[in-house]
N, C-alpha and C. Protein backbone atom coordinates (compact mmCIF):
# COMPACT_ATOMS: atom_id res chain seq x y z
N MET A 1 -34.45 29.76 19.31
CA MET A 1 -35.52 30.76 17.99
C MET A 1 -34.86 31.60 17.51
N ILE A 2 -34.63 31.25 16.43
CA ILE A 2 -33.71 32.31 14.90
C ILE A 2 -34.47 33.13 14.52
N ILE A 3 -34.73 34.03 14.50
CA ILE A 3 -35.23 35.45 13.92
C ILE A 3 -34.69 35.48 12.27
N LYS A 4 -35.19 35.69 11.47
CA LYS A 4 -35.59 36.01 10.21
C LYS A 4 -35.56 37.64 9.76
N ILE A 5 -34.85 37.48 9.80
CA ILE A 5 -35.65 39.14 8.45
C ILE A 5 -35.71 39.64 7.20
N ASN A 6 -36.56 39.99 6.28
CA ASN A 6 -36.19 40.17 4.79
C ASN A 6 -36.91 41.40 5.13
N GLU A 7 -34.94 41.68 4.29
CA GLU A 7 -35.31 42.66 3.94
C GLU A 7 -35.61 44.27 3.14
N TYR A 8 -36.13 42.72 2.12
CA TYR A 8 -37.21 43.19 1.15
C TYR A 8 -38.64 43.53 1.05
N SER A 9 -38.96 43.07 2.79
CA SER A 9 -40.32 42.58 3.03
C SER A 9 -41.32 45.02 3.05
N ASP A 10 -42.04 45.16 2.82
CA ASP A 10 -43.14 46.26 3.04
C ASP A 10 -43.39 46.33 5.00
N ILE A 11 -42.95 45.02 5.12
CA ILE A 11 -43.04 45.32 6.83
C ILE A 11 -41.92 45.31 7.03
N PRO A 12 -42.00 46.87 8.64
CA PRO A 12 -40.70 47.52 8.75
C PRO A 12 -40.06 46.04 10.12
N ILE A 13 -38.55 46.39 10.09
CA ILE A 13 -37.91 44.73 10.56
C ILE A 13 -38.67 45.24 12.16
N TYR A 14 -38.69 46.12 12.75
CA TYR A 14 -39.02 45.98 14.83
C TYR A 14 -40.41 45.24 13.97
N MET A 15 -41.53 44.91 13.78
CA MET A 15 -42.47 44.31 13.40
C MET A 15 -42.49 42.55 12.29
N GLN A 16 -41.70 42.97 11.83
CA GLN A 16 -41.12 41.50 11.52
C GLN A 16 -40.90 40.57 12.77
N ILE A 17 -40.36 41.46 13.77
CA ILE A 17 -38.81 40.83 14.90
C ILE A 17 -40.25 40.36 15.87
N ARG A 18 -40.90 42.19 16.05
CA ARG A 18 -42.49 41.15 16.77
C ARG A 18 -42.73 39.96 16.69
N ASN A 19 -43.40 40.78 15.10
CA ASN A 19 -43.99 39.41 14.95
C ASN A 19 -43.66 37.58 14.70
N GLN A 20 -42.24 38.21 14.36
CA GLN A 20 -41.77 36.19 14.89
C GLN A 20 -41.68 35.92 16.18
N ILE A 21 -41.60 36.79 17.16
CA ILE A 21 -41.41 36.42 19.14
C ILE A 21 -42.82 35.71 19.25
N VAL A 22 -43.72 36.68 18.43
CA VAL A 22 -45.70 36.74 18.89
C VAL A 22 -46.02 34.71 18.30
N MET A 23 -45.27 34.75 17.12
CA MET A 23 -45.62 33.28 16.75
C MET A 23 -44.16 32.27 17.49
N GLY A 24 -43.46 32.58 18.15
CA GLY A 24 -42.21 31.73 18.34
C GLY A 24 -42.93 31.90 20.14
N ILE A 25 -44.11 32.35 20.97
CA ILE A 25 -44.88 31.77 21.81
C ILE A 25 -45.91 31.65 21.47
N SER A 26 -47.17 31.22 20.57
CA SER A 26 -47.81 31.09 20.17
C SER A 26 -47.99 29.96 19.43
N SER A 27 -45.99 29.65 19.14
CA SER A 27 -46.46 27.29 18.66
C SER A 27 -45.55 27.24 19.47
N GLY A 28 -45.15 27.96 21.03
CA GLY A 28 -44.91 27.06 21.87
C GLY A 28 -43.20 26.27 21.86
N GLU A 29 -42.68 27.32 21.12
CA GLU A 29 -40.87 27.31 20.33
C GLU A 29 -40.19 28.26 21.45
N LEU A 30 -40.89 29.41 22.07
CA LEU A 30 -40.85 29.92 22.85
C LEU A 30 -41.68 29.70 24.01
N GLU A 31 -40.80 29.72 25.45
CA GLU A 31 -41.84 29.47 26.53
C GLU A 31 -41.49 30.52 27.66
N ALA A 32 -43.58 29.97 28.11
CA ALA A 32 -43.06 31.13 29.60
C ALA A 32 -42.26 31.36 30.57
N GLY A 33 -41.87 32.25 30.36
CA GLY A 33 -40.21 33.27 31.38
C GLY A 33 -39.06 32.19 30.16
N GLU A 34 -38.82 31.97 29.29
CA GLU A 34 -37.69 31.68 28.53
C GLU A 34 -36.96 33.06 28.58
N GLN A 35 -35.30 33.48 28.74
CA GLN A 35 -34.89 34.95 28.25
C GLN A 35 -34.83 34.48 27.35
N LEU A 36 -35.41 36.25 27.35
CA LEU A 36 -34.73 36.41 25.03
C LEU A 36 -33.54 37.33 24.55
N PRO A 37 -33.09 37.35 24.03
CA PRO A 37 -31.98 37.57 24.00
C PRO A 37 -31.49 39.11 24.22
N THR A 38 -30.29 39.61 24.52
CA THR A 38 -30.44 40.79 24.35
C THR A 38 -30.98 41.88 23.80
N VAL A 39 -30.78 43.01 23.97
CA VAL A 39 -31.19 43.70 22.68
C VAL A 39 -29.42 43.67 21.83
N ARG A 40 -28.72 44.13 22.67
CA ARG A 40 -27.33 44.25 21.92
C ARG A 40 -27.00 42.97 21.51
N ALA A 41 -26.80 41.65 21.80
CA ALA A 41 -26.59 40.60 21.23
C ALA A 41 -28.08 40.06 20.06
N LEU A 42 -29.19 40.22 20.47
CA LEU A 42 -30.55 40.13 18.86
C LEU A 42 -29.37 41.19 17.19
N SER A 43 -29.70 42.25 17.94
CA SER A 43 -29.11 43.42 17.09
C SER A 43 -27.83 42.75 16.47
N THR A 44 -26.84 42.62 16.94
CA THR A 44 -25.83 42.00 16.51
C THR A 44 -25.76 40.42 15.68
N GLU A 45 -26.39 39.58 16.30
CA GLU A 45 -26.53 39.02 15.45
C GLU A 45 -27.49 38.51 14.12
N ILE A 46 -28.21 39.57 14.27
CA ILE A 46 -28.67 39.77 12.64
C ILE A 46 -28.39 41.53 11.74
N GLY A 47 -28.20 41.67 12.58
CA GLY A 47 -27.33 43.02 11.63
C GLY A 47 -27.67 44.38 11.14
N ILE A 48 -28.68 44.42 12.60
CA ILE A 48 -29.30 46.09 12.31
C ILE A 48 -29.16 46.49 13.86
N ASN A 49 -29.89 47.79 13.10
CA ASN A 49 -29.77 48.90 14.32
C ASN A 49 -30.23 48.77 16.56
N THR A 50 -29.56 48.55 17.05
CA THR A 50 -29.98 48.38 18.65
C THR A 50 -31.37 48.54 18.72
N MET A 51 -31.55 49.60 18.25
CA MET A 51 -32.41 50.51 18.61
C MET A 51 -33.80 49.85 18.19
N THR A 52 -34.01 49.46 16.11
CA THR A 52 -34.59 48.75 16.38
C THR A 52 -35.14 47.25 17.37
N VAL A 53 -34.34 46.75 17.88
CA VAL A 53 -34.62 45.73 18.74
C VAL A 53 -35.94 45.98 19.98
N SER A 54 -35.06 47.32 20.31
CA SER A 54 -35.64 48.00 21.16
C SER A 54 -37.10 47.96 21.42
N LYS A 55 -37.54 48.64 20.25
CA LYS A 55 -38.83 48.74 19.67
C LYS A 55 -39.74 47.90 19.31
N ALA A 56 -38.65 46.91 18.94
CA ALA A 56 -39.81 45.79 19.15
C ALA A 56 -40.31 45.28 20.01
N TYR A 57 -39.55 45.03 21.29
CA TYR A 57 -38.80 44.55 23.00
C TYR A 57 -40.48 45.54 23.52
N GLN A 58 -39.87 47.14 22.84
CA GLN A 58 -41.00 47.96 24.14
C GLN A 58 -42.08 47.38 23.58
N ILE A 59 -42.65 46.85 21.82
CA ILE A 59 -43.77 46.93 21.62
C ILE A 59 -44.55 45.81 22.19
N LEU A 60 -43.97 44.78 22.25
CA LEU A 60 -44.18 43.72 22.70
C LEU A 60 -44.13 43.36 24.45
N LYS A 61 -43.36 44.25 24.80
CA LYS A 61 -43.75 44.62 26.73
C LYS A 61 -45.49 45.72 26.70
N THR A 62 -45.22 46.22 25.78
CA THR A 62 -46.46 46.54 25.52
C THR A 62 -47.84 46.11 25.46
N GLU A 63 -47.76 44.90 24.89
CA GLU A 63 -48.78 44.36 24.57
C GLU A 63 -48.95 43.00 25.59
N GLY A 64 -47.94 43.16 26.28
CA GLY A 64 -47.60 42.07 27.47
C GLY A 64 -47.30 41.06 27.18
N TYR A 65 -46.65 40.82 26.17
CA TYR A 65 -45.71 39.27 25.82
C TYR A 65 -44.66 39.20 26.35
N ILE A 66 -44.03 40.29 26.79
CA ILE A 66 -42.84 39.98 27.71
C ILE A 66 -43.00 40.83 28.79
N LEU A 67 -41.82 40.81 29.94
CA LEU A 67 -42.06 41.51 30.53
C LEU A 67 -40.18 41.85 30.39
N THR A 68 -40.03 43.07 30.50
CA THR A 68 -38.33 43.71 30.86
C THR A 68 -38.03 44.02 32.31
N ASP A 69 -36.10 43.97 32.59
CA ASP A 69 -36.13 44.98 33.56
C ASP A 69 -34.35 45.17 33.37
N ARG A 70 -33.89 45.12 33.79
CA ARG A 70 -32.38 45.94 33.39
C ARG A 70 -32.20 45.09 34.41
N LYS A 71 -32.20 44.07 35.23
CA LYS A 71 -30.92 43.64 35.85
C LYS A 71 -31.55 41.61 34.99
N ASN A 72 -33.17 41.37 34.79
CA ASN A 72 -32.98 39.63 34.69
C ASN A 72 -32.69 40.37 32.83
N GLY A 73 -33.09 41.60 31.79
CA GLY A 73 -33.82 40.97 30.81
C GLY A 73 -34.73 40.73 30.08
N ALA A 74 -34.97 40.65 29.08
CA ALA A 74 -36.36 40.58 28.91
C ALA A 74 -36.76 39.17 28.71
N ARG A 75 -38.19 38.92 29.45
CA ARG A 75 -38.26 37.20 29.24
C ARG A 75 -39.98 37.05 28.56
N VAL A 76 -39.77 36.29 28.27
CA VAL A 76 -41.54 35.69 27.48
C VAL A 76 -42.54 35.82 28.88
N ARG A 77 -43.50 36.07 29.21
CA ARG A 77 -44.00 36.02 30.58
C ARG A 77 -44.90 34.88 30.39
N MET A 78 -44.69 34.59 32.20
CA MET A 78 -45.50 33.24 32.68
C MET A 78 -47.34 33.04 31.82
N GLU A 79 -48.15 34.20 31.95
CA GLU A 79 -49.04 34.02 31.70
C GLU A 79 -49.75 35.66 30.89
N MET A 80 -50.63 34.91 29.90
CA MET A 80 -50.28 36.07 29.20
C MET A 80 -51.52 36.34 29.25
N ASN A 81 -52.09 37.78 28.77
CA ASN A 81 -53.56 38.37 29.08
C ASN A 81 -54.50 37.61 27.86
N ARG A 82 -55.78 37.49 28.35
CA ARG A 82 -56.02 36.16 27.62
C ARG A 82 -57.34 37.44 27.33
N SER A 83 -57.49 38.60 26.89
CA SER A 83 -58.42 39.10 26.49
C SER A 83 -59.72 38.66 25.18
N LYS A 84 -59.14 38.05 24.97
CA LYS A 84 -60.31 37.33 23.73
C LYS A 84 -60.42 38.20 22.83
N SER A 85 -59.77 38.90 22.75
CA SER A 85 -60.28 39.74 21.37
C SER A 85 -58.99 40.21 20.21
N ILE A 86 -58.78 40.76 18.92
CA ILE A 86 -57.89 40.96 18.68
C ILE A 86 -58.16 42.66 18.63
N ASN A 87 -56.31 43.33 18.61
CA ASN A 87 -57.23 45.22 17.67
C ASN A 87 -57.42 45.13 16.01
N ASN A 88 -57.38 46.36 16.22
CA ASN A 88 -58.23 46.37 15.25
C ASN A 88 -57.52 46.54 14.25
N GLU A 89 -56.03 46.82 14.21
CA GLU A 89 -55.15 46.48 12.50
C GLU A 89 -54.53 45.08 12.83
N ASN A 90 -54.51 44.20 13.82
CA ASN A 90 -54.94 42.98 12.98
C ASN A 90 -55.94 42.39 12.44
N LYS A 91 -57.38 42.83 13.34
CA LYS A 91 -58.63 42.99 12.40
C LYS A 91 -58.73 43.60 10.78
N ASP A 92 -57.67 44.13 10.07
CA ASP A 92 -56.98 44.96 9.40
C ASP A 92 -56.83 43.82 8.25
N GLU A 93 -55.80 43.09 8.94
CA GLU A 93 -54.75 42.17 8.11
C GLU A 93 -55.54 41.18 8.48
N LEU A 94 -55.91 40.49 8.68
CA LEU A 94 -57.23 39.85 8.63
C LEU A 94 -58.58 39.74 7.59
N LYS A 95 -58.95 41.00 6.89
CA LYS A 95 -59.58 41.50 6.92
C LYS A 95 -59.59 41.19 4.96
N ARG A 96 -58.01 41.86 5.22
CA ARG A 96 -56.88 41.47 3.75
C ARG A 96 -56.80 40.27 3.64
N ILE A 97 -56.75 39.59 4.49
CA ILE A 97 -55.94 38.51 4.57
C ILE A 97 -56.95 37.59 3.75
N VAL A 98 -58.87 37.24 3.83
CA VAL A 98 -59.53 37.05 4.06
C VAL A 98 -59.96 37.60 2.38
N SER A 99 -60.18 38.96 1.80
CA SER A 99 -60.14 39.72 0.92
C SER A 99 -59.70 38.97 0.03
N GLU A 100 -58.07 38.49 -0.05
CA GLU A 100 -57.47 37.91 -1.21
C GLU A 100 -57.41 37.00 -1.43
N ALA A 101 -58.13 35.73 -0.35
CA ALA A 101 -57.96 34.33 -0.07
C ALA A 101 -59.63 34.30 -0.69
N LYS A 102 -60.55 34.83 -0.82
CA LYS A 102 -61.76 35.42 -1.80
C LYS A 102 -61.74 35.21 -3.03
N LEU A 103 -60.78 36.39 -3.62
CA LEU A 103 -60.73 36.93 -4.80
C LEU A 103 -59.40 35.81 -5.49
N SER A 104 -58.69 34.80 -4.74
CA SER A 104 -57.76 34.29 -5.74
C SER A 104 -58.72 33.17 -5.66
N GLY A 105 -60.24 32.92 -4.94
CA GLY A 105 -60.49 31.64 -5.09
C GLY A 105 -60.56 30.14 -4.42
N ILE A 106 -60.17 30.79 -3.12
CA ILE A 106 -60.10 29.18 -2.11
C ILE A 106 -61.82 29.71 -1.15
N SER A 107 -62.22 28.18 -1.53
CA SER A 107 -63.40 28.44 -0.77
C SER A 107 -63.32 28.32 0.41
N ILE A 108 -64.76 29.22 1.49
CA ILE A 108 -64.56 29.61 2.95
C ILE A 108 -64.28 28.30 3.27
N ASN A 109 -64.47 26.90 3.17
CA ASN A 109 -64.05 25.64 3.87
C ASN A 109 -62.35 25.25 3.46
N ASP A 110 -61.64 25.28 2.67
CA ASP A 110 -60.62 25.25 2.52
C ASP A 110 -59.41 26.28 3.11
N PHE A 111 -60.13 27.70 3.23
CA PHE A 111 -60.12 28.98 4.27
C PHE A 111 -59.92 28.44 5.53
N LYS A 112 -61.05 27.74 5.74
CA LYS A 112 -60.98 26.99 7.07
C LYS A 112 -60.29 26.41 7.58
N LYS A 113 -60.18 25.15 7.25
CA LYS A 113 -58.87 24.27 7.02
C LYS A 113 -57.91 24.83 7.30
N MET A 114 -57.26 26.17 6.56
CA MET A 114 -55.75 26.45 6.67
C MET A 114 -55.60 27.16 8.28
N ILE A 115 -56.84 27.60 8.81
CA ILE A 115 -56.25 28.43 9.61
C ILE A 115 -56.65 27.07 10.86
N GLU A 116 -57.00 25.80 10.71
CA GLU A 116 -57.01 24.85 11.92
C GLU A 116 -55.85 24.82 11.74
N GLU A 117 -54.96 23.81 10.13
CA GLU A 117 -53.73 23.93 10.62
C GLU A 117 -52.62 24.61 11.26
N MET A 118 -53.18 26.19 10.70
CA MET A 118 -52.23 26.65 12.12
C MET A 118 -52.74 26.77 13.57
N TRP A 119 -53.41 26.51 13.36
CA TRP A 119 -54.09 26.78 15.32
C TRP A 119 -53.39 26.05 16.47
N GLY A 120 -53.32 24.75 15.03
CA GLY A 120 -52.45 23.70 15.94
C GLY A 120 -51.03 23.73 15.89
N LYS A 121 -50.63 24.36 15.01
CA LYS A 121 -48.91 24.68 15.31
C LYS A 121 -48.92 25.52 16.84
């Protein structure tokens, strides 16, 4: 999986890394048990500070997407915690996206189609 950083984005780099890894896991691009690059390797690859990658990995670990240990590094969890809910921060982001879609004149049916297309990825 290739991580692409947008240095001009308002989203912090560590969150861009976190988000792309979550999307990679969801899409199947990153498989259960798959080894992630070391903090040092990923920071060198994308040209950022190791602490930034470390922060992203720590968030992913806290959220239950990856496991880390000194011996084996970071790996995608074999089984995800299926809480059947999303956190408040993601609900707020979803609310913002829905609001922008409404203001853009997108119908609810077209919006649902977009979601279904993305869900299938």
